[in-house]
N, C-alpha and C. Protein backbone atom coordinates (compact mmCIF):
# COMPACT_ATOMS: atom_id res chain seq x y z
N MET A 1 64.77 56.41 142.12
CA MET A 1 65.94 55.63 142.51
C MET A 1 67.16 56.07 141.70
N ASP A 2 68.29 56.12 142.35
CA ASP A 2 69.52 56.52 141.67
C ASP A 2 69.96 55.43 140.71
N SER A 3 70.65 55.84 139.63
CA SER A 3 71.12 54.88 138.65
C SER A 3 72.54 54.42 138.93
N GLU A 4 73.21 55.10 139.87
CA GLU A 4 74.55 54.65 140.22
C GLU A 4 74.86 54.97 141.67
N ARG A 5 75.94 54.39 142.15
CA ARG A 5 76.45 54.63 143.49
C ARG A 5 77.97 54.76 143.37
N ILE A 6 78.58 55.27 144.40
CA ILE A 6 80.04 55.39 144.43
C ILE A 6 80.55 54.39 145.45
N PHE A 7 81.50 53.55 145.03
CA PHE A 7 82.13 52.58 145.92
C PHE A 7 83.63 52.68 145.70
N LYS A 8 84.37 52.97 146.78
CA LYS A 8 85.82 53.14 146.70
C LYS A 8 86.20 54.20 145.67
N GLY A 9 85.38 55.26 145.60
CA GLY A 9 85.65 56.37 144.69
C GLY A 9 85.34 56.11 143.23
N ILE A 10 84.74 54.97 142.93
CA ILE A 10 84.45 54.59 141.55
C ILE A 10 82.94 54.48 141.37
N PRO A 11 82.39 55.09 140.32
CA PRO A 11 80.95 54.93 140.05
C PRO A 11 80.62 53.47 139.72
N ARG A 12 79.58 52.96 140.34
CA ARG A 12 79.09 51.60 140.09
C ARG A 12 77.58 51.70 139.84
N PRO A 13 77.01 50.72 139.17
CA PRO A 13 75.55 50.75 138.97
C PRO A 13 74.80 50.62 140.31
N ALA A 14 73.62 51.19 140.37
CA ALA A 14 72.78 51.05 141.56
C ALA A 14 72.23 49.64 141.66
N TYR A 15 72.01 49.01 140.49
CA TYR A 15 71.46 47.65 140.43
C TYR A 15 72.31 46.81 139.48
N THR A 16 72.32 45.51 139.71
CA THR A 16 73.07 44.61 138.85
C THR A 16 72.53 44.69 137.43
N PRO A 17 73.41 44.96 136.46
CA PRO A 17 72.97 44.98 135.05
C PRO A 17 72.51 43.58 134.61
N ASP A 18 71.64 43.54 133.60
CA ASP A 18 71.16 42.27 133.08
C ASP A 18 72.28 41.45 132.45
N PHE A 19 73.23 42.14 131.84
CA PHE A 19 74.35 41.45 131.19
C PHE A 19 75.66 42.06 131.68
N ILE A 20 76.53 41.21 132.18
CA ILE A 20 77.85 41.65 132.64
C ILE A 20 78.88 40.94 131.78
N THR A 21 79.70 41.72 131.10
CA THR A 21 80.70 41.13 130.20
C THR A 21 82.13 41.37 130.66
N GLU A 22 82.30 42.29 131.61
CA GLU A 22 83.63 42.54 132.15
C GLU A 22 83.50 43.05 133.58
N LEU A 23 84.56 42.86 134.33
CA LEU A 23 84.59 43.28 135.73
C LEU A 23 85.86 44.07 136.00
N LYS A 24 85.75 45.03 136.92
CA LYS A 24 86.95 45.70 137.44
C LYS A 24 87.66 44.72 138.36
N PRO A 25 88.92 44.94 138.68
CA PRO A 25 89.67 43.98 139.50
C PRO A 25 89.07 43.68 140.86
N ASP A 26 88.30 44.62 141.44
CA ASP A 26 87.72 44.39 142.77
C ASP A 26 86.27 43.91 142.71
N GLU A 27 85.77 43.56 141.53
CA GLU A 27 84.38 43.15 141.38
C GLU A 27 84.25 41.63 141.27
N VAL A 28 83.12 41.14 141.79
CA VAL A 28 82.84 39.70 141.82
C VAL A 28 81.44 39.46 141.25
N PHE A 29 81.34 38.48 140.37
CA PHE A 29 80.09 38.07 139.71
C PHE A 29 79.47 36.95 140.55
N VAL A 30 78.29 37.20 141.13
CA VAL A 30 77.63 36.22 142.00
C VAL A 30 76.53 35.53 141.18
N PHE A 31 76.63 34.21 141.09
CA PHE A 31 75.74 33.47 140.19
C PHE A 31 75.14 32.25 140.86
N GLY A 32 74.02 31.78 140.30
CA GLY A 32 73.39 30.56 140.77
C GLY A 32 74.08 29.36 140.15
N SER A 33 74.30 28.36 140.98
CA SER A 33 75.05 27.17 140.57
C SER A 33 74.28 25.92 140.96
N ASN A 34 74.90 24.79 140.68
CA ASN A 34 74.42 23.53 141.25
C ASN A 34 75.53 23.01 142.15
N LEU A 35 75.19 22.15 143.06
CA LEU A 35 76.17 21.68 144.04
C LEU A 35 77.36 20.98 143.40
N ALA A 36 77.14 20.36 142.24
CA ALA A 36 78.23 19.65 141.56
C ALA A 36 79.19 20.60 140.85
N GLY A 37 78.81 21.88 140.72
CA GLY A 37 79.68 22.83 140.04
C GLY A 37 79.78 22.57 138.54
N SER A 38 78.70 22.09 137.95
CA SER A 38 78.65 21.90 136.50
C SER A 38 78.12 23.19 135.89
N HIS A 39 79.02 24.06 135.49
CA HIS A 39 78.66 25.41 135.04
C HIS A 39 78.37 25.43 133.54
N GLY A 40 77.33 24.70 133.12
CA GLY A 40 77.06 24.53 131.71
C GLY A 40 76.05 25.45 131.09
N GLY A 41 75.34 26.26 131.87
CA GLY A 41 74.32 27.12 131.28
C GLY A 41 74.08 28.36 132.10
N GLY A 42 73.38 29.31 131.51
CA GLY A 42 72.99 30.54 132.18
C GLY A 42 74.17 31.33 132.72
N ALA A 43 73.94 31.98 133.86
CA ALA A 43 74.99 32.80 134.47
C ALA A 43 76.18 31.96 134.91
N ALA A 44 75.94 30.69 135.24
CA ALA A 44 77.04 29.81 135.65
C ALA A 44 78.03 29.62 134.49
N TYR A 45 77.51 29.50 133.30
CA TYR A 45 78.37 29.36 132.12
C TYR A 45 79.20 30.63 131.91
N VAL A 46 78.55 31.79 132.06
CA VAL A 46 79.25 33.07 131.95
C VAL A 46 80.35 33.15 133.01
N ALA A 47 80.02 32.74 134.23
CA ALA A 47 81.01 32.76 135.32
C ALA A 47 82.21 31.88 134.99
N TRP A 48 81.94 30.73 134.41
CA TRP A 48 83.02 29.81 134.04
C TRP A 48 83.85 30.35 132.89
N ARG A 49 83.19 30.83 131.85
CA ARG A 49 83.89 31.30 130.65
C ARG A 49 84.64 32.61 130.87
N LYS A 50 84.09 33.50 131.69
CA LYS A 50 84.66 34.85 131.78
C LYS A 50 85.27 35.22 133.13
N PHE A 51 84.77 34.63 134.23
CA PHE A 51 85.11 35.17 135.53
C PHE A 51 85.74 34.17 136.50
N GLY A 52 86.28 33.08 136.00
CA GLY A 52 87.09 32.20 136.82
C GLY A 52 86.38 31.14 137.62
N ALA A 53 85.08 30.91 137.35
CA ALA A 53 84.39 29.82 138.05
C ALA A 53 85.08 28.50 137.71
N VAL A 54 85.13 27.61 138.67
CA VAL A 54 85.86 26.35 138.54
C VAL A 54 84.86 25.20 138.39
N MET A 55 85.03 24.45 137.31
CA MET A 55 84.18 23.26 137.14
C MET A 55 84.40 22.34 138.33
N GLY A 56 83.32 21.83 138.90
CA GLY A 56 83.41 20.95 140.05
C GLY A 56 83.31 21.67 141.39
N GLN A 57 83.26 23.01 141.38
CA GLN A 57 83.12 23.78 142.62
C GLN A 57 81.78 24.52 142.56
N GLY A 58 80.82 24.08 143.34
CA GLY A 58 79.48 24.63 143.27
C GLY A 58 79.15 25.68 144.31
N VAL A 59 80.09 26.00 145.20
CA VAL A 59 79.81 26.94 146.29
C VAL A 59 81.01 27.85 146.50
N GLY A 60 80.74 29.14 146.71
CA GLY A 60 81.75 30.06 147.17
C GLY A 60 82.57 30.76 146.11
N LEU A 61 83.62 31.45 146.59
CA LEU A 61 84.47 32.27 145.74
C LEU A 61 85.37 31.41 144.88
N GLN A 62 85.44 31.78 143.62
CA GLN A 62 86.32 31.13 142.65
C GLN A 62 86.64 32.15 141.57
N GLY A 63 87.90 32.54 141.49
CA GLY A 63 88.27 33.62 140.57
C GLY A 63 87.54 34.89 140.96
N GLN A 64 86.92 35.53 139.96
CA GLN A 64 86.12 36.74 140.22
C GLN A 64 84.64 36.38 140.20
N SER A 65 84.33 35.21 140.71
CA SER A 65 82.94 34.79 140.78
C SER A 65 82.67 34.13 142.13
N TYR A 66 81.39 34.09 142.48
CA TYR A 66 80.96 33.48 143.74
C TYR A 66 79.70 32.68 143.44
N ALA A 67 79.74 31.37 143.72
CA ALA A 67 78.63 30.47 143.41
C ALA A 67 77.70 30.29 144.61
N ILE A 68 76.40 30.41 144.34
CA ILE A 68 75.36 30.11 145.32
C ILE A 68 74.50 29.01 144.73
N PRO A 69 74.50 27.82 145.33
CA PRO A 69 73.70 26.72 144.78
C PRO A 69 72.19 27.00 144.83
N THR A 70 71.53 26.71 143.70
CA THR A 70 70.09 26.97 143.60
C THR A 70 69.31 25.79 143.02
N MET A 71 70.00 24.69 142.71
CA MET A 71 69.36 23.60 141.97
C MET A 71 69.07 22.36 142.82
N GLN A 72 69.16 22.45 144.14
CA GLN A 72 69.09 21.25 144.98
C GLN A 72 67.77 21.06 145.70
N GLY A 73 66.79 21.90 145.47
CA GLY A 73 65.51 21.76 146.15
C GLY A 73 64.76 23.06 146.16
N GLY A 74 64.02 23.32 147.23
CA GLY A 74 63.23 24.53 147.34
C GLY A 74 64.02 25.71 147.87
N VAL A 75 63.32 26.82 148.04
CA VAL A 75 63.94 28.06 148.52
C VAL A 75 64.64 27.83 149.86
N GLU A 76 64.06 26.99 150.70
CA GLU A 76 64.66 26.74 152.03
C GLU A 76 66.05 26.12 151.92
N THR A 77 66.36 25.46 150.81
CA THR A 77 67.69 24.87 150.64
C THR A 77 68.69 25.89 150.10
N ILE A 78 68.19 26.98 149.56
CA ILE A 78 69.05 28.05 149.03
C ILE A 78 69.43 29.03 150.14
N GLU A 79 68.51 29.25 151.06
CA GLU A 79 68.68 30.26 152.10
C GLU A 79 70.01 30.17 152.87
N PRO A 80 70.46 28.99 153.31
CA PRO A 80 71.72 28.96 154.05
C PRO A 80 72.92 29.43 153.22
N TYR A 81 72.87 29.18 151.92
CA TYR A 81 73.96 29.60 151.05
C TYR A 81 73.94 31.12 150.83
N VAL A 82 72.74 31.71 150.77
CA VAL A 82 72.64 33.16 150.67
C VAL A 82 73.13 33.81 151.96
N THR A 83 72.75 33.23 153.09
CA THR A 83 73.22 33.73 154.38
C THR A 83 74.74 33.68 154.46
N GLU A 84 75.31 32.59 153.99
CA GLU A 84 76.77 32.44 153.95
C GLU A 84 77.40 33.50 153.03
N PHE A 85 76.78 33.75 151.89
CA PHE A 85 77.29 34.78 150.98
C PHE A 85 77.26 36.15 151.63
N ILE A 86 76.15 36.51 152.28
CA ILE A 86 76.04 37.82 152.92
C ILE A 86 77.13 37.99 153.98
N ALA A 87 77.38 36.96 154.76
CA ALA A 87 78.47 37.02 155.75
C ALA A 87 79.81 37.19 155.06
N PHE A 88 80.01 36.51 153.94
CA PHE A 88 81.25 36.63 153.17
C PHE A 88 81.43 38.06 152.65
N ALA A 89 80.36 38.65 152.12
CA ALA A 89 80.43 40.02 151.61
C ALA A 89 80.76 41.00 152.73
N LYS A 90 80.16 40.80 153.91
CA LYS A 90 80.47 41.66 155.05
C LYS A 90 81.92 41.53 155.48
N ALA A 91 82.47 40.32 155.38
CA ALA A 91 83.86 40.08 155.78
C ALA A 91 84.87 40.53 154.74
N HIS A 92 84.40 40.89 153.55
CA HIS A 92 85.29 41.31 152.45
C HIS A 92 84.83 42.66 151.90
N PRO A 93 84.93 43.72 152.73
CA PRO A 93 84.40 45.03 152.32
C PRO A 93 85.18 45.69 151.19
N ALA A 94 86.32 45.18 150.82
CA ALA A 94 87.09 45.75 149.71
C ALA A 94 86.59 45.25 148.36
N LEU A 95 85.75 44.21 148.36
CA LEU A 95 85.22 43.66 147.12
C LEU A 95 83.81 44.17 146.86
N PHE A 96 83.46 44.30 145.59
CA PHE A 96 82.12 44.75 145.18
C PHE A 96 81.45 43.58 144.47
N PHE A 97 80.29 43.15 144.95
CA PHE A 97 79.62 41.95 144.47
C PHE A 97 78.40 42.29 143.63
N PHE A 98 78.38 41.79 142.38
CA PHE A 98 77.22 41.90 141.52
C PHE A 98 76.42 40.61 141.64
N VAL A 99 75.30 40.66 142.33
CA VAL A 99 74.44 39.48 142.48
C VAL A 99 73.51 39.41 141.27
N THR A 100 73.57 38.31 140.53
CA THR A 100 72.65 38.11 139.41
C THR A 100 71.31 37.62 139.96
N ARG A 101 70.35 37.41 139.12
CA ARG A 101 69.03 36.91 139.54
C ARG A 101 69.13 35.42 139.82
N ILE A 102 69.92 35.07 140.82
CA ILE A 102 70.18 33.66 141.10
C ILE A 102 68.87 32.91 141.32
N GLY A 103 68.82 31.72 140.75
CA GLY A 103 67.65 30.88 140.93
C GLY A 103 66.47 31.21 140.03
N CYS A 104 66.52 32.33 139.32
CA CYS A 104 65.38 32.80 138.54
C CYS A 104 65.51 32.50 137.04
N GLY A 105 66.46 31.67 136.69
CA GLY A 105 66.62 31.26 135.30
C GLY A 105 66.36 29.77 135.20
N ILE A 106 67.41 29.02 135.00
CA ILE A 106 67.33 27.57 134.83
C ILE A 106 66.69 26.89 136.04
N ALA A 107 66.96 27.38 137.25
CA ALA A 107 66.42 26.75 138.46
C ALA A 107 64.90 26.93 138.58
N GLY A 108 64.34 27.94 137.92
CA GLY A 108 62.90 28.07 137.82
C GLY A 108 62.17 28.80 138.93
N PHE A 109 62.87 29.48 139.82
CA PHE A 109 62.20 30.24 140.87
C PHE A 109 61.79 31.61 140.35
N ARG A 110 60.87 32.26 141.06
CA ARG A 110 60.46 33.61 140.73
C ARG A 110 61.22 34.60 141.62
N ASP A 111 61.36 35.82 141.13
CA ASP A 111 62.05 36.87 141.90
C ASP A 111 61.44 37.01 143.30
N GLU A 112 60.10 36.91 143.39
CA GLU A 112 59.41 37.07 144.68
C GLU A 112 59.84 36.01 145.69
N GLU A 113 60.28 34.85 145.20
CA GLU A 113 60.69 33.77 146.09
C GLU A 113 62.14 33.96 146.58
N ILE A 114 63.00 34.47 145.71
CA ILE A 114 64.42 34.59 146.02
C ILE A 114 64.77 35.93 146.67
N ALA A 115 64.13 36.99 146.22
CA ALA A 115 64.46 38.34 146.72
C ALA A 115 64.47 38.45 148.24
N PRO A 116 63.50 37.89 148.98
CA PRO A 116 63.53 38.04 150.44
C PRO A 116 64.78 37.45 151.10
N LEU A 117 65.40 36.49 150.45
CA LEU A 117 66.61 35.90 151.01
C LEU A 117 67.74 36.91 151.09
N PHE A 118 67.69 37.94 150.25
CA PHE A 118 68.75 38.95 150.18
C PHE A 118 68.43 40.21 150.97
N ALA A 119 67.39 40.19 151.79
CA ALA A 119 67.01 41.37 152.57
C ALA A 119 68.18 41.89 153.39
N GLY A 120 69.01 41.00 153.92
CA GLY A 120 70.16 41.40 154.72
C GLY A 120 71.30 42.00 153.93
N ALA A 121 71.19 41.99 152.60
CA ALA A 121 72.27 42.53 151.75
C ALA A 121 71.92 43.90 151.18
N VAL A 122 70.66 44.29 151.29
CA VAL A 122 70.21 45.55 150.67
C VAL A 122 71.01 46.74 151.16
N ALA A 123 71.32 46.81 152.43
CA ALA A 123 72.03 47.96 153.00
C ALA A 123 73.55 47.87 152.85
N LEU A 124 74.06 46.77 152.35
CA LEU A 124 75.52 46.64 152.21
C LEU A 124 76.01 47.44 151.02
N GLU A 125 76.97 48.33 151.26
CA GLU A 125 77.44 49.18 150.17
C GLU A 125 78.24 48.42 149.12
N ASN A 126 78.73 47.23 149.46
CA ASN A 126 79.53 46.46 148.51
C ASN A 126 78.76 45.34 147.82
N VAL A 127 77.43 45.32 147.97
CA VAL A 127 76.61 44.32 147.29
C VAL A 127 75.61 45.04 146.40
N CYS A 128 75.63 44.66 145.13
CA CYS A 128 74.72 45.22 144.14
C CYS A 128 73.72 44.13 143.76
N LEU A 129 72.44 44.40 143.95
CA LEU A 129 71.38 43.44 143.69
C LEU A 129 70.61 43.81 142.42
N PRO A 130 69.97 42.84 141.80
CA PRO A 130 69.06 43.16 140.69
C PRO A 130 67.94 44.06 141.20
N ALA A 131 67.46 44.97 140.37
CA ALA A 131 66.37 45.87 140.77
C ALA A 131 65.17 45.05 141.24
N SER A 132 64.88 43.95 140.57
CA SER A 132 63.73 43.13 140.94
C SER A 132 63.86 42.55 142.34
N PHE A 133 65.07 42.27 142.80
CA PHE A 133 65.28 41.73 144.16
C PHE A 133 65.03 42.83 145.20
N VAL A 134 65.39 44.06 144.88
CA VAL A 134 65.17 45.16 145.82
C VAL A 134 63.69 45.49 145.88
N GLU A 135 63.01 45.49 144.73
CA GLU A 135 61.60 45.85 144.66
C GLU A 135 60.70 44.78 145.28
N LYS A 136 61.08 43.51 145.20
CA LYS A 136 60.18 42.42 145.61
C LYS A 136 60.52 41.81 146.96
N ARG A 137 61.44 42.41 147.69
CA ARG A 137 61.81 41.85 148.99
C ARG A 137 60.74 42.17 149.96
């Protein structure tokens, strides 16, 4: 597997890095949230502190971040939000999205449970997934 890809003439990682501390202007940090938008831990906290996530907003684009709720129930309750994100990424081809291992930290899901939800994003050139999501889909 390649370690990088080219998007808009700029080298980008092939897979979402484990730790993201800065973004280029066209990059978006995609993180797992709760519906209340209480970004107090994990990737949600990073999104709030570094990438413009808004307290009280648990879904969608905010600053250079995009929230996908993962704390409201089972995988079936996450799926519509992932579908919405994939449609958003397709509609915004100028942006490059780093999807974190949403749902696989504080929410307690396994990669095998969440990865299949992102099957429709694997071929998108502007969506970067964790290696585990690509391998376990």
